[in-house]
C-alpha cells in the first residue's frame, strides 16, 4: 500500500468513529427524552403524544446506530467486542455518554 491509500483509510476510520460518536449522543438524547420527558407526561399528565412521537424517533436512531456499529465491525474500524459493548451501553439511559467517551 502506498501512503495515499493509508491516509485515505485513516481518514475513513476517523470519519466512521466520528459518526459513531455522534450516533452515541443522538441515541442517548432520544432515550433520555423518551424516559424522562415523554413517559412521565404520558403516565402522570395523561399526554401520550410525546411517546407516540419520540418512540419512533428513538427507534429509528437506535437502528441507525446499530447499523453503523455493524458497518464499523465489518470494515474493521472497531473490534466486535467493542461493538457489543456499544450496543449494550445503548440500552442503558446514560450508556451512550460512556460510549461517546470511550470512542475518543
PDB file of N, CA and C in Angstrom:
ATOM      1  N   UNK A   1       0.819  -1.179   0.000  1.00  0.00           N
ATOM      2  CA  UNK A   1       0.000   0.000   0.000  1.00  0.00           C
ATOM      3  C   UNK A   1       0.868   1.249   0.000  1.00  0.00           C
ATOM      4  N   UNK A   2       0.438   2.199  -0.757  1.00  0.00           N
ATOM      5  CA  UNK A   2       1.193   3.448  -0.738  1.00  0.00           C
ATOM      6  C   UNK A   2       0.644   4.378   0.340  1.00  0.00           C
ATOM      7  N   UNK A   3       1.332   5.465   0.569  1.00  0.00           N
ATOM      8  CA  UNK A   3       0.960   6.350   1.676  1.00  0.00           C
ATOM      9  C   UNK A   3      -0.387   7.033   1.441  1.00  0.00           C
ATOM     10  N   UNK A   4      -0.750   7.254   0.173  1.00  0.00           N
ATOM     11  CA  UNK A   4      -2.036   7.874  -0.117  1.00  0.00           C
ATOM     12  C   UNK A   4      -3.188   6.965   0.287  1.00  0.00           C
ATOM     13  N   UNK A   5      -3.043   5.684   0.004  1.00  0.00           N
ATOM     14  CA  UNK A   5      -4.071   4.719   0.373  1.00  0.00           C
ATOM     15  C   UNK A   5      -4.192   4.616   1.882  1.00  0.00           C
ATOM     16  N   UNK A   6      -3.057   4.598   2.573  1.00  0.00           N
ATOM     17  CA  UNK A   6      -3.081   4.530   4.027  1.00  0.00           C
ATOM     18  C   UNK A   6      -3.718   5.779   4.628  1.00  0.00           C
ATOM     19  N   UNK A   7      -3.412   6.943   4.072  1.00  0.00           N
ATOM     20  CA  UNK A   7      -4.015   8.178   4.555  1.00  0.00           C
ATOM     21  C   UNK A   7      -5.526   8.161   4.349  1.00  0.00           C
ATOM     22  N   UNK A   8      -5.962   7.651   3.206  1.00  0.00           N
ATOM     23  CA  UNK A   8      -7.396   7.569   2.918  1.00  0.00           C
ATOM     24  C   UNK A   8      -8.086   6.613   3.889  1.00  0.00           C
ATOM     25  N   UNK A   9      -7.439   5.507   4.210  1.00  0.00           N
ATOM     26  CA  UNK A   9      -8.022   4.556   5.157  1.00  0.00           C
ATOM     27  C   UNK A   9      -8.104   5.157   6.557  1.00  0.00           C
ATOM     28  N   UNK A  10      -7.071   5.876   6.962  1.00  0.00           N
ATOM     29  CA  UNK A  10      -7.105   6.530   8.276  1.00  0.00           C
ATOM     30  C   UNK A  10      -8.222   7.564   8.345  1.00  0.00           C
ATOM     31  N   UNK A  11      -8.382   8.329   7.272  1.00  0.00           N
ATOM     32  CA  UNK A  11      -9.437   9.341   7.234  1.00  0.00           C
ATOM     33  C   UNK A  11     -10.809   8.684   7.293  1.00  0.00           C
ATOM     34  N   UNK A  12     -10.983   7.564   6.604  1.00  0.00           N
ATOM     35  CA  UNK A  12     -12.247   6.843   6.633  1.00  0.00           C
ATOM     36  C   UNK A  12     -12.527   6.307   8.031  1.00  0.00           C
ATOM     37  N   UNK A  13     -11.506   5.764   8.673  1.00  0.00           N
ATOM     38  CA  UNK A  13     -11.673   5.254  10.032  1.00  0.00           C
ATOM     39  C   UNK A  13     -12.034   6.370  11.000  1.00  0.00           C
ATOM     40  N   UNK A  14     -11.363   7.500  10.873  1.00  0.00           N
ATOM     41  CA  UNK A  14     -11.669   8.639  11.743  1.00  0.00           C
ATOM     42  C   UNK A  14     -13.087   9.141  11.527  1.00  0.00           C
ATOM     43  N   UNK A  15     -13.510   9.200  10.263  1.00  0.00           N
ATOM     44  CA  UNK A  15     -14.862   9.691   9.996  1.00  0.00           C
ATOM     45  C   UNK A  15     -15.904   8.690  10.501  1.00  0.00           C
ATOM     46  N   UNK A  16     -15.609   7.400  10.426  1.00  0.00           N
ATOM     47  CA  UNK A  16     -16.529   6.387  10.949  1.00  0.00           C
ATOM     48  C   UNK A  16     -16.628   6.493  12.474  1.00  0.00           C
ATOM     49  N   UNK A  17     -15.503   6.698  13.147  1.00  0.00           N
ATOM     50  CA  UNK A  17     -15.512   6.856  14.600  1.00  0.00           C
ATOM     51  C   UNK A  17     -16.284   8.124  14.979  1.00  0.00           C
ATOM     52  N   UNK A  18     -16.081   9.200  14.234  1.00  0.00           N
ATOM     53  CA  UNK A  18     -16.823  10.439  14.483  1.00  0.00           C
ATOM     54  C   UNK A  18     -18.318  10.211  14.305  1.00  0.00           C
ATOM     55  N   UNK A  19     -18.678   9.470  13.268  1.00  0.00           N
ATOM     56  CA  UNK A  19     -20.089   9.143  13.029  1.00  0.00           C
ATOM     57  C   UNK A  19     -20.655   8.324  14.191  1.00  0.00           C
ATOM     58  N   UNK A  20     -19.900   7.343  14.662  1.00  0.00           N
ATOM     59  CA  UNK A  20     -20.347   6.539  15.794  1.00  0.00           C
ATOM     60  C   UNK A  20     -20.529   7.399  17.041  1.00  0.00           C
ATOM     61  N   UNK A  21     -19.601   8.311  17.282  1.00  0.00           N
ATOM     62  CA  UNK A  21     -19.692   9.181  18.451  1.00  0.00           C
ATOM     63  C   UNK A  21     -20.941  10.066  18.373  1.00  0.00           C
ATOM     64  N   UNK A  22     -21.250  10.574  17.189  1.00  0.00           N
ATOM     65  CA  UNK A  22     -22.453  11.396  17.035  1.00  0.00           C
ATOM     66  C   UNK A  22     -23.711  10.557  17.251  1.00  0.00           C
ATOM     67  N   UNK A  23     -23.712   9.324  16.732  1.00  0.00           N
ATOM     68  CA  UNK A  23     -24.845   8.431  16.956  1.00  0.00           C
ATOM     69  C   UNK A  23     -25.009   8.115  18.436  1.00  0.00           C
ATOM     70  N   UNK A  24     -23.890   7.960  19.167  1.00  0.00           N
ATOM     71  CA  UNK A  24     -23.964   7.709  20.610  1.00  0.00           C
ATOM     72  C   UNK A  24     -24.709   8.841  21.309  1.00  0.00           C
ATOM     73  N   UNK A  25     -24.358  10.067  20.974  1.00  0.00           N
ATOM     74  CA  UNK A  25     -25.010  11.219  21.599  1.00  0.00           C
ATOM     75  C   UNK A  25     -26.478  11.338  21.183  1.00  0.00           C
ATOM     76  N   UNK A  26     -26.759  11.101  19.913  1.00  0.00           N
ATOM     77  CA  UNK A  26     -28.141  11.198  19.437  1.00  0.00           C
ATOM     78  C   UNK A  26     -29.009  10.115  20.078  1.00  0.00           C
ATOM     79  N   UNK A  27     -28.478   8.910  20.169  1.00  0.00           N
ATOM     80  CA  UNK A  27     -29.227   7.807  20.760  1.00  0.00           C
ATOM     81  C   UNK A  27     -29.485   8.073  22.238  1.00  0.00           C
ATOM     82  N   UNK A  28     -28.481   8.579  22.934  1.00  0.00           N
ATOM     83  CA  UNK A  28     -28.642   8.896  24.346  1.00  0.00           C
ATOM     84  C   UNK A  28     -29.662  10.019  24.544  1.00  0.00           C
ATOM     85  N   UNK A  29     -29.584  11.040  23.727  1.00  0.00           N
ATOM     86  CA  UNK A  29     -30.511  12.169  23.854  1.00  0.00           C
ATOM     87  C   UNK A  29     -31.955  11.732  23.624  1.00  0.00           C
ATOM     88  N   UNK A  30     -32.194  10.904  22.605  1.00  0.00           N
ATOM     89  CA  UNK A  30     -33.566  10.464  22.343  1.00  0.00           C
ATOM     90  C   UNK A  30     -34.066   9.527  23.444  1.00  0.00           C
ATOM     91  N   UNK A  31     -33.191   8.656  23.960  1.00  0.00           N
ATOM     92  CA  UNK A  31     -33.602   7.756  25.039  1.00  0.00           C
ATOM     93  C   UNK A  31     -33.924   8.536  26.305  1.00  0.00           C
ATOM     94  N   UNK A  32     -33.068   9.500  26.649  1.00  0.00           N
ATOM     95  CA  UNK A  32     -33.312  10.291  27.848  1.00  0.00           C
ATOM     96  C   UNK A  32     -34.578  11.140  27.711  1.00  0.00           C
ATOM     97  N   UNK A  33     -34.803  11.707  26.542  1.00  0.00           N
ATOM     98  CA  UNK A  33     -36.025  12.481  26.321  1.00  0.00           C
ATOM     99  C   UNK A  33     -37.259  11.588  26.431  1.00  0.00           C
ATOM    100  N   UNK A  34     -37.148  10.394  25.908  1.00  0.00           N
ATOM    101  CA  UNK A  34     -38.259   9.454  25.988  1.00  0.00           C
ATOM    102  C   UNK A  34     -38.527   9.046  27.435  1.00  0.00           C
ATOM    103  N   UNK A  35     -37.465   8.696  28.158  1.00  0.00           N
ATOM    104  CA  UNK A  35     -37.631   8.206  29.532  1.00  0.00           C
ATOM    105  C   UNK A  35     -38.008   9.292  30.533  1.00  0.00           C
ATOM    106  N   UNK A  36     -37.396  10.458  30.399  1.00  0.00           N
ATOM    107  CA  UNK A  36     -37.567  11.478  31.428  1.00  0.00           C
ATOM    108  C   UNK A  36     -38.527  12.604  31.066  1.00  0.00           C
ATOM    109  N   UNK A  37     -38.992  12.637  29.825  1.00  0.00           N
ATOM    110  CA  UNK A  37     -39.958  13.666  29.445  1.00  0.00           C
ATOM    111  C   UNK A  37     -41.255  13.021  28.953  1.00  0.00           C
ATOM    112  N   UNK A  38     -41.161  12.203  27.910  1.00  0.00           N
ATOM    113  CA  UNK A  38     -42.366  11.684  27.265  1.00  0.00           C
ATOM    114  C   UNK A  38     -43.125  10.678  28.130  1.00  0.00           C
ATOM    115  N   UNK A  39     -42.421   9.742  28.748  1.00  0.00           N
ATOM    116  CA  UNK A  39     -43.103   8.724  29.565  1.00  0.00           C
ATOM    117  C   UNK A  39     -43.761   9.344  30.796  1.00  0.00           C
ATOM    118  N   UNK A  40     -43.065  10.227  31.541  1.00  0.00           N
ATOM    119  CA  UNK A  40     -43.776  10.866  32.659  1.00  0.00           C
ATOM    120  C   UNK A  40     -44.982  11.708  32.214  1.00  0.00           C
ATOM    121  N   UNK A  41     -44.856  12.386  31.076  1.00  0.00           N
ATOM    122  CA  UNK A  41     -46.008  13.141  30.576  1.00  0.00           C
ATOM    123  C   UNK A  41     -47.175  12.216  30.260  1.00  0.00           C
ATOM    124  N   UNK A  42     -46.874  11.045  29.742  1.00  0.00           N
ATOM    125  CA  UNK A  42     -47.930  10.096  29.405  1.00  0.00           C
ATOM    126  C   UNK A  42     -48.602   9.572  30.670  1.00  0.00           C
ATOM    127  N   UNK A  43     -47.797   9.145  31.633  1.00  0.00           N
ATOM    128  CA  UNK A  43     -48.377   8.479  32.798  1.00  0.00           C
ATOM    129  C   UNK A  43     -48.839   9.428  33.906  1.00  0.00           C
ATOM    130  N   UNK A  44     -48.190  10.552  34.052  1.00  0.00           N
ATOM    131  CA  UNK A  44     -48.562  11.469  35.131  1.00  0.00           C
ATOM    132  C   UNK A  44     -49.532  12.559  34.689  1.00  0.00           C
ATOM    133  N   UNK A  45     -49.413  12.994  33.449  1.00  0.00           N
ATOM    134  CA  UNK A  45     -50.262  14.095  32.984  1.00  0.00           C
ATOM    135  C   UNK A  45     -51.301  13.656  31.954  1.00  0.00           C
ATOM    136  N   UNK A  46     -51.182  12.425  31.483  1.00  0.00           N
ATOM    137  CA  UNK A  46     -52.168  11.940  30.521  1.00  0.00           C
ATOM    138  C   UNK A  46     -51.961  12.416  29.093  1.00  0.00           C
ATOM    139  N   UNK A  47     -50.731  12.769  28.749  1.00  0.00           N
ATOM    140  CA  UNK A  47     -50.417  13.213  27.387  1.00  0.00           C
ATOM    141  C   UNK A  47     -49.580  12.158  26.670  1.00  0.00           C
ATOM    142  N   UNK A  48     -50.207  11.246  25.941  1.00  0.00           N
ATOM    143  CA  UNK A  48     -49.451  10.185  25.264  1.00  0.00           C
ATOM    144  C   UNK A  48     -48.782  10.634  23.963  1.00  0.00           C
ATOM    145  N   UNK A  49     -49.005  11.873  23.566  1.00  0.00           N
ATOM    146  CA  UNK A  49     -48.467  12.344  22.294  1.00  0.00           C
ATOM    147  C   UNK A  49     -46.944  12.281  22.241  1.00  0.00           C
ATOM    148  N   UNK A  50     -46.286  12.622  23.342  1.00  0.00           N
ATOM    149  CA  UNK A  50     -44.817  12.623  23.365  1.00  0.00           C
ATOM    150  C   UNK A  50     -44.236  11.247  23.095  1.00  0.00           C
ATOM    151  N   UNK A  51     -44.838  10.218  23.680  1.00  0.00           N
ATOM    152  CA  UNK A  51     -44.347   8.848  23.466  1.00  0.00           C
ATOM    153  C   UNK A  51     -44.587   8.421  22.024  1.00  0.00           C
ATOM    154  N   UNK A  52     -45.724   8.803  21.479  1.00  0.00           N
ATOM    155  CA  UNK A  52     -46.012   8.388  20.101  1.00  0.00           C
ATOM    156  C   UNK A  52     -45.124   9.103  19.084  1.00  0.00           C
ATOM    157  N   UNK A  53     -44.543  10.235  19.460  1.00  0.00           N
ATOM    158  CA  UNK A  53     -43.617  10.942  18.576  1.00  0.00           C
ATOM    159  C   UNK A  53     -42.174  10.512  18.847  1.00  0.00           C
ATOM    160  N   UNK A  54     -41.765  10.564  20.122  1.00  0.00           N
ATOM    161  CA  UNK A  54     -40.374  10.260  20.456  1.00  0.00           C
ATOM    162  C   UNK A  54     -40.035   8.771  20.359  1.00  0.00           C
ATOM    163  N   UNK A  55     -41.015   7.903  20.561  1.00  0.00           N
ATOM    164  CA  UNK A  55     -40.762   6.465  20.473  1.00  0.00           C
ATOM    165  C   UNK A  55     -40.217   6.044  19.115  1.00  0.00           C
ATOM    166  N   UNK A  56     -40.911   6.362  18.028  1.00  0.00           N
ATOM    167  CA  UNK A  56     -40.394   6.005  16.707  1.00  0.00           C
ATOM    168  C   UNK A  56     -39.088   6.717  16.343  1.00  0.00           C
ATOM    169  N   UNK A  57     -38.931   7.960  16.803  1.00  0.00           N
ATOM    170  CA  UNK A  57     -37.680   8.672  16.524  1.00  0.00           C
ATOM    171  C   UNK A  57     -36.524   7.949  17.207  1.00  0.00           C
ATOM    172  N   UNK A  58     -36.715   7.598  18.478  1.00  0.00           N
ATOM    173  CA  UNK A  58     -35.675   6.863  19.190  1.00  0.00           C
ATOM    174  C   UNK A  58     -35.422   5.505  18.531  1.00  0.00           C
ATOM    175  N   UNK A  59     -36.471   4.827  18.129  1.00  0.00           N
ATOM    176  CA  UNK A  59     -36.307   3.533  17.458  1.00  0.00           C
ATOM    177  C   UNK A  59     -35.483   3.647  16.187  1.00  0.00           C
ATOM    178  N   UNK A  60     -35.757   4.666  15.401  1.00  0.00           N
ATOM    179  CA  UNK A  60     -35.001   4.873  14.172  1.00  0.00           C
ATOM    180  C   UNK A  60     -33.534   5.168  14.471  1.00  0.00           C
ATOM    181  N   UNK A  61     -33.281   6.039  15.448  1.00  0.00           N
ATOM    182  CA  UNK A  61     -31.898   6.386  15.789  1.00  0.00           C
ATOM    183  C   UNK A  61     -31.161   5.164  16.333  1.00  0.00           C
ATOM    184  N   UNK A  62     -31.844   4.349  17.145  1.00  0.00           N
ATOM    185  CA  UNK A  62     -31.228   3.139  17.682  1.00  0.00           C
ATOM    186  C   UNK A  62     -30.865   2.166  16.563  1.00  0.00           C
ATOM    187  N   UNK A  63     -31.772   1.974  15.608  1.00  0.00           N
ATOM    188  CA  UNK A  63     -31.483   1.080  14.478  1.00  0.00           C
ATOM    189  C   UNK A  63     -30.358   1.625  13.601  1.00  0.00           C
ATOM    190  N   UNK A  64     -30.343   2.925  13.381  1.00  0.00           N
ATOM    191  CA  UNK A  64     -29.264   3.535  12.593  1.00  0.00           C
ATOM    192  C   UNK A  64     -27.929   3.388  13.316  1.00  0.00           C
ATOM    193  N   UNK A  65     -27.937   3.534  14.634  1.00  0.00           N
ATOM    194  CA  UNK A  65     -26.723   3.339  15.422  1.00  0.00           C
ATOM    195  C   UNK A  65     -26.256   1.887  15.313  1.00  0.00           C
ATOM    196  N   UNK A  66     -27.180   0.953  15.440  1.00  0.00           N
ATOM    197  CA  UNK A  66     -26.832  -0.464  15.296  1.00  0.00           C
ATOM    198  C   UNK A  66     -26.260  -0.777  13.931  1.00  0.00           C
ATOM    199  N   UNK A  67     -26.821  -0.192  12.908  1.00  0.00           N
ATOM    200  CA  UNK A  67     -26.323  -0.395  11.544  1.00  0.00           C
ATOM    201  C   UNK A  67     -24.912   0.184  11.394  1.00  0.00           C
ATOM    202  N   UNK A  68     -24.693   1.339  11.978  1.00  0.00           N
ATOM    203  CA  UNK A  68     -23.377   1.965  11.916  1.00  0.00           C
ATOM    204  C   UNK A  68     -22.340   1.131  12.673  1.00  0.00           C
ATOM    205  N   UNK A  69     -22.729   0.573  13.810  1.00  0.00           N
ATOM    206  CA  UNK A  69     -21.829  -0.309  14.559  1.00  0.00           C
ATOM    207  C   UNK A  69     -21.501  -1.538  13.720  1.00  0.00           C
ATOM    208  N   UNK A  70     -22.508  -2.132  13.099  1.00  0.00           N
ATOM    209  CA  UNK A  70     -22.284  -3.313  12.257  1.00  0.00           C
ATOM    210  C   UNK A  70     -21.355  -3.000  11.084  1.00  0.00           C
ATOM    211  N   UNK A  71     -21.548  -1.859  10.467  1.00  0.00           N
ATOM    212  CA  UNK A  71     -20.663  -1.453   9.371  1.00  0.00           C
ATOM    213  C   UNK A  71     -19.237  -1.251   9.858  1.00  0.00           C
ATOM    214  N   UNK A  72     -19.087  -0.657  11.020  1.00  0.00           N
ATOM    215  CA  UNK A  72     -17.751  -0.413  11.575  1.00  0.00           C
ATOM    216  C   UNK A  72     -17.043  -1.719  11.891  1.00  0.00           C
ATOM    217  N   UNK A  73     -17.778  -2.691  12.397  1.00  0.00           N
ATOM    218  CA  UNK A  73     -17.194  -4.003  12.657  1.00  0.00           C
ATOM    219  C   UNK A  73     -16.800  -4.660  11.344  1.00  0.00           C
ATOM    220  N   UNK A  74     -17.669  -4.580  10.354  1.00  0.00           N
ATOM    221  CA  UNK A  74     -17.383  -5.178   9.047  1.00  0.00           C
ATOM    222  C   UNK A  74     -16.185  -4.569   8.352  1.00  0.00           C
ATOM    223  N   UNK A  75     -16.003  -3.273   8.525  1.00  0.00           N
ATOM    224  CA  UNK A  75     -14.864  -2.588   7.909  1.00  0.00           C
ATOM    225  C   UNK A  75     -13.573  -2.772   8.693  1.00  0.00           C
ATOM    226  N   UNK A  76     -13.704  -3.259   9.913  1.00  0.00           N
ATOM    227  CA  UNK A  76     -12.529  -3.416  10.755  1.00  0.00           C
ATOM    228  C   UNK A  76     -12.149  -2.159  11.507  1.00  0.00           C
ATOM    229  N   UNK A  77     -13.035  -1.192  11.531  1.00  0.00           N
ATOM    230  CA  UNK A  77     -12.768   0.052  12.251  1.00  0.00           C
ATOM    231  C   UNK A  77     -12.774  -0.187  13.754  1.00  0.00           C
ATOM    232  N   UNK A  78     -13.693  -1.021  14.216  1.00  0.00           N
ATOM    233  CA  UNK A  78     -13.748  -1.383  15.629  1.00  0.00           C
ATOM    234  C   UNK A  78     -13.798  -2.903  15.743  1.00  0.00           C
ATOM    235  N   UNK A  79     -13.406  -3.411  16.885  1.00  0.00           N
ATOM    236  CA  UNK A  79     -13.429  -4.845  17.151  1.00  0.00           C
ATOM    237  C   UNK A  79     -14.872  -5.251  17.500  1.00  0.00           C
ATOM    238  N   UNK A  80     -15.212  -6.515  17.281  1.00  0.00           N
ATOM    239  CA  UNK A  80     -16.584  -6.947  17.550  1.00  0.00           C
ATOM    240  C   UNK A  80     -16.934  -6.840  19.030  1.00  0.00           C
ATOM    241  N   UNK A  81     -15.959  -6.986  19.909  1.00  0.00           N
ATOM    242  CA  UNK A  81     -16.237  -6.818  21.339  1.00  0.00           C
ATOM    243  C   UNK A  81     -16.604  -5.368  21.658  1.00  0.00           C
ATOM    244  N   UNK A  82     -15.916  -4.451  21.017  1.00  0.00           N
ATOM    245  CA  UNK A  82     -16.245  -3.035  21.201  1.00  0.00           C
ATOM    246  C   UNK A  82     -17.653  -2.761  20.687  1.00  0.00           C
ATOM    247  N   UNK A  83     -17.990  -3.339  19.545  1.00  0.00           N
ATOM    248  CA  UNK A  83     -19.335  -3.177  19.002  1.00  0.00           C
ATOM    249  C   UNK A  83     -20.399  -3.718  19.940  1.00  0.00           C
ATOM    250  N   UNK A  84     -20.120  -4.860  20.554  1.00  0.00           N
ATOM    251  CA  UNK A  84     -21.053  -5.422  21.526  1.00  0.00           C
ATOM    252  C   UNK A  84     -21.217  -4.519  22.735  1.00  0.00           C
ATOM    253  N   UNK A  85     -20.116  -3.949  23.202  1.00  0.00           N
ATOM    254  CA  UNK A  85     -20.181  -3.024  24.333  1.00  0.00           C
ATOM    255  C   UNK A  85     -20.982  -1.774  23.972  1.00  0.00           C
ATOM    256  N   UNK A  86     -20.791  -1.288  22.741  1.00  0.00           N
ATOM    257  CA  UNK A  86     -21.544  -0.106  22.304  1.00  0.00           C
ATOM    258  C   UNK A  86     -23.041  -0.384  22.278  1.00  0.00           C
ATOM    259  N   UNK A  87     -23.410  -1.567  21.768  1.00  0.00           N
ATOM    260  CA  UNK A  87     -24.824  -1.908  21.691  1.00  0.00           C
ATOM    261  C   UNK A  87     -25.418  -2.141  23.077  1.00  0.00           C
ATOM    262  N   UNK A  88     -24.645  -2.752  23.957  1.00  0.00           N
ATOM    263  CA  UNK A  88     -25.122  -2.957  25.329  1.00  0.00           C
ATOM    264  C   UNK A  88     -25.295  -1.621  26.041  1.00  0.00           C
ATOM    265  N   UNK A  89     -24.333  -0.737  25.872  1.00  0.00           N
ATOM    266  CA  UNK A  89     -24.415   0.579  26.505  1.00  0.00           C
ATOM    267  C   UNK A  89     -25.584   1.392  25.949  1.00  0.00           C
ATOM    268  N   UNK A  90     -25.951   1.154  24.699  1.00  0.00           N
ATOM    269  CA  UNK A  90     -27.063   1.893  24.097  1.00  0.00           C
ATOM    270  C   UNK A  90     -28.400   1.543  24.752  1.00  0.00           C
ATOM    271  N   UNK A  91     -28.440   0.430  25.456  1.00  0.00           N
ATOM    272  CA  UNK A  91     -29.673   0.022  26.133  1.00  0.00           C
ATOM    273  C   UNK A  91     -29.809   0.654  27.517  1.00  0.00           C
ATOM    274  N   UNK A  92     -28.761   1.295  27.988  1.00  0.00           N
ATOM    275  CA  UNK A  92     -28.773   1.940  29.299  1.00  0.00           C
ATOM    276  C   UNK A  92     -28.975   3.448  29.134  1.00  0.00           C
ATOM    277  N   UNK A  93     -29.709   4.079  30.040  1.00  0.00           N
ATOM    278  CA  UNK A  93     -30.022   5.502  29.870  1.00  0.00           C
ATOM    279  C   UNK A  93     -28.824   6.421  29.643  1.00  0.00           C
ATOM    280  N   UNK A  94     -27.739   6.265  30.388  1.00  0.00           N
ATOM    281  CA  UNK A  94     -26.578   7.130  30.184  1.00  0.00           C
ATOM    282  C   UNK A  94     -25.414   6.376  29.552  1.00  0.00           C
ATOM    283  N   UNK A  95     -25.687   5.200  28.998  1.00  0.00           N
ATOM    284  CA  UNK A  95     -24.640   4.378  28.393  1.00  0.00           C
ATOM    285  C   UNK A  95     -24.015   5.003  27.168  1.00  0.00           C
ATOM    286  N   UNK A  96     -24.783   5.771  26.429  1.00  0.00           N
ATOM    287  CA  UNK A  96     -24.256   6.413  25.240  1.00  0.00           C
ATOM    288  C   UNK A  96     -23.187   7.449  25.549  1.00  0.00           C
ATOM    289  N   UNK A  97     -23.282   8.062  26.701  1.00  0.00           N
ATOM    290  CA  UNK A  97     -22.255   9.023  27.096  1.00  0.00           C
ATOM    291  C   UNK A  97     -20.945   8.296  27.358  1.00  0.00           C
ATOM    292  N   UNK A  98     -21.034   7.129  28.012  1.00  0.00           N
ATOM    293  CA  UNK A  98     -19.838   6.312  28.204  1.00  0.00           C
ATOM    294  C   UNK A  98     -19.262   5.877  26.852  1.00  0.00           C
ATOM    295  N   UNK A  99     -20.136   5.472  25.936  1.00  0.00           N
ATOM    296  CA  UNK A  99     -19.677   5.042  24.602  1.00  0.00           C
ATOM    297  C   UNK A  99     -19.016   6.193  23.870  1.00  0.00           C
ATOM    298  N   UNK A 100     -19.615   7.374  23.944  1.00  0.00           N
ATOM    299  CA  UNK A 100     -19.047   8.549  23.296  1.00  0.00           C
ATOM    300  C   UNK A 100     -17.648   8.807  23.844  1.00  0.00           C
ATOM    301  N   UNK A 101     -17.500   8.719  25.163  1.00  0.00           N
ATOM    302  CA  UNK A 101     -16.210   8.948  25.802  1.00  0.00           C
ATOM    303  C   UNK A 101     -15.208   7.860  25.422  1.00  0.00           C
ATOM    304  N   UNK A 102     -15.636   6.606  25.357  1.00  0.00           N
ATOM    305  CA  UNK A 102     -14.697   5.516  25.084  1.00  0.00           C
ATOM    306  C   UNK A 102     -14.232   5.479  23.626  1.00  0.00           C
ATOM    307  N   UNK A 103     -14.945   6.112  22.726  1.00  0.00           N
ATOM    308  CA  UNK A 103     -14.576   6.118  21.308  1.00  0.00           C
ATOM    309  C   UNK A 103     -13.646   7.273  20.934  1.00  0.00           C
ATOM    310  N   UNK A 104     -13.174   8.044  21.905  1.00  0.00           N
ATOM    311  CA  UNK A 104     -12.320   9.194  21.566  1.00  0.00           C
ATOM    312  C   UNK A 104     -10.979   8.758  21.074  1.00  0.00           C
TER     313      UNK A 104
END
